[in-house]
Amino acid sequence: MLKIINKISLALFLAATPFLFYGFGAAILQIISKASFGNPRWLWFLAGAAIFFPCLFAAKRLFHSGWCYLQTLEHELTHLLIGLLFLKIPTGIRVSAHEGGEVRQIGFGTTGQIWVTLAPYFFPTISIAVLIPAYFTGLNTLPLLGVLGWTTAFHLVTNWSETSFRQPDLQKAGILKTILILPIMNLICYGAVLAFVADGSKGFGNFWQSGFREAFHLAVKIW
């Protein structure tokens, strides 16, 4: 029964991707159109992102193995965290600097497995770890936005270096599903970050409402 529900829910999501892409794309364009370099929120965010790149250069030159280990650890932890959302219990994790890593999980068969498999390629784990507590506590300081910029740049760089159809994860998920899922999920995840940068917790909440509302309106119009 769970397997059937899993297949139906995934099919519905894939069918909805064009509408979601339109809805959340429109929400992001609205955010970007109002962005200004004179706004200290955006300046702190962009400064944090810019600071990441000399950090990356220094880490690769001085601590190359450590950097590779950190990148793999973040990748595997993302598998693990998204697995927990689908009640998959971790039974082991292996991380290495140059030989990849692996998370072993049990529970509920293949339910949600496509999301667990693809999660590191769209889910900015460290940025969300900064953003979610800030959203619920109302913490909204400029230095926090600098940290958010740094972590977002980290995920963009690691995501770019990891995403290749030679990756076992992407082959396991299937090329067609990967092509359909990753663009919309990256759009949503990074859009949520930009929405928080633009207007804090209020902007974050409005982003989700606006994205789903525009997607629904397009579906109704076509129908």
Protein backbone atom coordinates (compact mmCIF):
# COMPACT_ATOMS: atom_id res chain seq x y z
CA MET A 1 0.00 0.00 0.00
CA LEU A 2 2.78 2.45 0.94
CA LYS A 3 4.56 1.64 -2.31
CA ILE A 4 1.43 2.53 -4.31
CA ILE A 5 0.95 5.78 -2.37
CA ASN A 6 4.60 6.63 -2.94
CA LYS A 7 4.29 6.11 -6.70
CA ILE A 8 1.05 8.13 -6.94
CA SER A 9 2.42 11.06 -4.91
CA LEU A 10 5.60 11.15 -7.00
CA ALA A 11 3.59 11.02 -10.24
CA LEU A 12 1.41 13.92 -9.04
CA PHE A 13 4.47 15.98 -8.13
CA LEU A 14 6.11 15.35 -11.51
CA ALA A 15 2.88 16.35 -13.25
CA ALA A 16 2.77 19.55 -11.20
CA THR A 17 6.39 20.58 -11.87
CA PRO A 18 5.57 22.97 -14.77
CA PHE A 19 3.02 24.80 -12.61
CA LEU A 20 5.33 24.90 -9.59
CA PHE A 21 8.18 26.16 -11.75
CA TYR A 22 5.97 28.97 -13.02
CA GLY A 23 4.60 29.84 -9.57
CA PHE A 24 7.86 29.89 -7.66
CA GLY A 25 9.73 31.38 -10.61
CA ALA A 26 7.29 34.30 -10.54
CA ALA A 27 7.79 34.63 -6.78
CA ILE A 28 11.58 34.77 -7.18
CA LEU A 29 11.39 37.32 -10.00
CA GLN A 30 9.28 39.51 -7.75
CA ILE A 31 11.92 39.28 -5.01
CA ILE A 32 14.80 40.03 -7.38
CA SER A 33 12.97 42.97 -8.97
CA LYS A 34 12.78 44.64 -5.56
CA ALA A 35 16.38 43.86 -4.55
CA SER A 36 18.75 46.80 -4.18
CA PHE A 37 22.47 47.09 -3.49
CA GLY A 38 21.57 49.99 -1.26
CA ASN A 39 19.74 47.58 1.05
CA PRO A 40 22.10 46.46 3.86
CA ARG A 41 20.37 43.06 4.01
CA TRP A 42 21.45 42.23 0.47
CA LEU A 43 24.91 43.73 1.03
CA TRP A 44 25.56 41.52 4.05
CA PHE A 45 24.28 38.45 2.23
CA LEU A 46 26.42 39.10 -0.85
CA ALA A 47 29.44 39.96 1.29
CA GLY A 48 29.09 36.64 3.11
CA ALA A 49 28.90 34.84 -0.25
CA ALA A 50 31.97 36.71 -1.51
CA ILE A 51 34.00 35.87 1.61
CA PHE A 52 33.38 32.19 0.97
CA PHE A 53 35.56 32.11 -2.15
CA PRO A 54 38.88 33.12 -0.53
CA CYS A 55 38.01 30.65 2.24
CA LEU A 56 37.50 27.99 -0.42
CA PHE A 57 40.83 28.82 -2.08
CA ALA A 58 42.69 28.67 1.24
CA ALA A 59 40.97 25.43 2.27
CA LYS A 60 41.83 23.69 -1.01
CA ARG A 61 45.43 24.86 -0.87
CA LEU A 62 46.12 24.24 2.81
CA PHE A 63 43.58 21.61 3.88
CA HIS A 64 42.59 19.81 0.69
CA SER A 65 41.79 16.48 2.36
CA GLY A 66 39.90 18.23 5.14
CA TRP A 67 37.86 20.19 2.61
CA CYS A 68 36.98 17.03 0.66
CA TYR A 69 36.00 15.31 3.91
CA LEU A 70 33.76 18.24 4.92
CA GLN A 71 32.09 18.28 1.52
CA THR A 72 31.40 14.54 1.65
CA LEU A 73 30.17 14.77 5.26
CA GLU A 74 27.65 17.49 4.34
CA HIS A 75 26.49 15.36 1.39
CA GLU A 76 25.92 12.25 3.50
CA LEU A 77 24.29 14.16 6.35
CA THR A 78 21.77 15.53 3.85
CA HIS A 79 20.85 11.97 2.83
CA LEU A 80 20.49 11.13 6.51
CA LEU A 81 18.37 14.17 7.47
CA ILE A 82 15.94 13.85 4.58
CA GLY A 83 15.72 10.12 5.33
CA LEU A 84 14.58 10.96 8.86
CA LEU A 85 11.67 12.94 7.39
CA PHE A 86 10.50 9.68 5.81
CA LEU A 87 11.07 7.78 9.07
CA LYS A 88 14.16 6.02 7.78
CA ILE A 89 16.40 5.07 10.70
CA PRO A 90 20.14 5.51 10.10
CA THR A 91 22.15 2.41 10.96
CA GLY A 92 25.56 3.63 9.83
CA ILE A 93 27.48 6.35 8.04
CA ARG A 94 30.84 6.22 6.29
CA VAL A 95 32.71 9.35 5.18
CA SER A 96 36.13 9.62 3.56
CA ALA A 97 38.10 12.43 1.99
CA HIS A 98 38.76 10.82 -1.39
CA GLU A 99 36.59 7.70 -1.61
CA GLY A 100 33.11 9.17 -1.14
CA GLY A 101 30.74 8.12 1.58
CA GLU A 102 27.62 6.14 2.37
CA VAL A 103 24.63 6.29 4.69
CA ARG A 104 22.80 3.09 5.59
CA GLN A 105 19.14 3.44 6.58
CA ILE A 106 16.25 1.11 7.26
CA GLY A 107 12.48 1.57 7.40
CA PHE A 108 9.40 1.80 5.16
CA GLY A 109 10.96 0.24 2.07
CA THR A 110 11.33 2.63 -0.85
CA THR A 111 8.98 5.30 0.53
CA GLY A 112 10.51 8.70 -0.20
CA GLN A 113 13.70 7.12 -1.52
CA ILE A 114 13.83 9.37 -4.58
CA TRP A 115 13.93 12.44 -2.31
CA VAL A 116 16.55 10.90 -0.03
CA THR A 117 18.69 10.03 -3.04
CA LEU A 118 18.49 13.45 -4.71
CA ALA A 119 18.45 15.63 -1.57
CA PRO A 120 22.15 16.67 -1.58
CA TYR A 121 21.74 18.07 -5.08
CA PHE A 122 19.04 20.59 -4.16
CA PHE A 123 18.77 20.90 -0.37
CA PRO A 124 21.16 23.52 1.15
CA THR A 125 21.51 21.73 4.47
CA ILE A 126 23.74 24.25 6.28
CA SER A 127 21.76 27.25 5.03
CA ILE A 128 18.49 25.68 6.17
CA ALA A 129 20.10 24.89 9.53
CA VAL A 130 20.71 28.65 9.85
CA LEU A 131 17.42 29.80 8.36
CA ILE A 132 14.85 27.62 10.15
CA PRO A 133 15.87 28.53 13.73
CA ALA A 134 16.04 32.18 12.65
CA TYR A 135 12.53 31.94 11.20
CA PHE A 136 10.97 30.47 14.34
CA THR A 137 12.86 32.67 16.81
CA GLY A 138 12.47 35.87 14.83
CA LEU A 139 16.24 36.35 14.77
CA ASN A 140 16.89 38.75 11.90
CA THR A 141 20.31 40.37 12.26
CA LEU A 142 22.62 41.53 9.48
CA PRO A 143 25.53 39.27 10.56
CA LEU A 144 23.13 36.32 10.32
CA LEU A 145 22.54 37.24 6.67
CA GLY A 146 26.31 37.25 6.13
CA VAL A 147 26.49 33.71 7.52
CA LEU A 148 23.56 32.73 5.31
CA GLY A 149 25.39 34.13 2.27
CA TRP A 150 28.52 32.12 3.14
CA THR A 151 26.62 28.87 3.60
CA THR A 152 24.59 29.39 0.43
CA ALA A 153 27.79 29.93 -1.59
CA PHE A 154 29.17 26.75 -0.01
CA HIS A 155 26.21 24.74 -1.20
CA LEU A 156 26.21 26.26 -4.68
CA VAL A 157 29.87 25.39 -5.19
CA THR A 158 29.63 21.87 -3.78
CA ASN A 159 26.36 21.25 -5.62
CA TRP A 160 27.96 22.31 -8.93
CA SER A 161 30.98 20.05 -8.37
CA GLU A 162 28.85 17.05 -7.36
CA THR A 163 26.07 17.20 -9.97
CA SER A 164 26.95 14.94 -12.86
CA PHE A 165 25.05 12.14 -14.53
CA ARG A 166 28.01 9.93 -13.69
CA GLN A 167 27.05 10.25 -10.04
CA PRO A 168 25.66 6.94 -8.69
CA ASP A 169 22.89 8.84 -6.88
CA LEU A 170 21.58 10.39 -10.09
CA GLN A 171 21.81 7.12 -11.96
CA LYS A 172 19.94 5.41 -9.14
CA ALA A 173 17.19 8.05 -9.23
CA GLY A 174 16.92 7.86 -13.01
CA ILE A 175 17.91 10.53 -15.51
CA LEU A 176 14.34 11.57 -16.39
CA LYS A 177 13.26 12.00 -12.77
CA THR A 178 16.48 13.83 -12.00
CA ILE A 179 15.92 16.29 -14.85
CA LEU A 180 12.34 16.92 -13.72
CA ILE A 181 12.97 17.19 -9.98
CA LEU A 182 16.29 19.01 -9.53
CA PRO A 183 15.50 22.28 -11.37
CA ILE A 184 12.24 22.93 -9.53
CA MET A 185 13.60 21.88 -6.13
CA ASN A 186 16.70 24.06 -6.52
CA LEU A 187 14.45 26.94 -7.56
CA ILE A 188 12.28 26.50 -4.47
CA CYS A 189 15.12 25.99 -1.97
CA TYR A 190 17.25 28.91 -3.13
CA GLY A 191 14.15 31.04 -3.58
CA ALA A 192 13.26 30.45 0.07
CA VAL A 193 16.74 31.66 1.08
CA LEU A 194 16.44 34.80 -1.06
CA ALA A 195 12.96 35.46 0.34
CA PHE A 196 14.36 35.42 3.88
CA VAL A 197 17.18 37.74 2.86
CA ALA A 198 14.70 40.16 1.27
CA ASP A 199 12.24 40.44 4.14
CA GLY A 200 13.07 38.09 7.00
CA SER A 201 10.47 35.69 8.37
CA LYS A 202 7.63 37.59 6.68
CA GLY A 203 9.28 37.29 3.28
CA PHE A 204 9.98 33.60 3.84
CA GLY A 205 6.32 32.88 4.60
CA ASN A 206 5.05 35.04 1.74
CA PHE A 207 7.33 33.22 -0.72
CA TRP A 208 5.60 29.89 -0.12
CA GLN A 209 2.13 31.42 -0.28
CA SER A 210 2.90 33.32 -3.47
CA GLY A 211 4.55 30.34 -5.18
CA PHE A 212 1.70 27.93 -4.55
CA ARG A 213 -0.94 30.58 -5.30
CA GLU A 214 0.55 31.43 -8.71
CA ALA A 215 0.98 27.73 -9.53
CA PHE A 216 -2.67 27.08 -8.64
CA HIS A 217 -3.90 30.04 -10.66
CA LEU A 218 -2.01 28.84 -13.74
CA ALA A 219 -3.46 25.34 -13.38
CA VAL A 220 -6.98 26.76 -13.04
CA LYS A 221 -6.48 29.04 -16.05
CA ILE A 222 -5.29 26.17 -18.24
CA TRP A 223 -8.12 23.94 -17.02
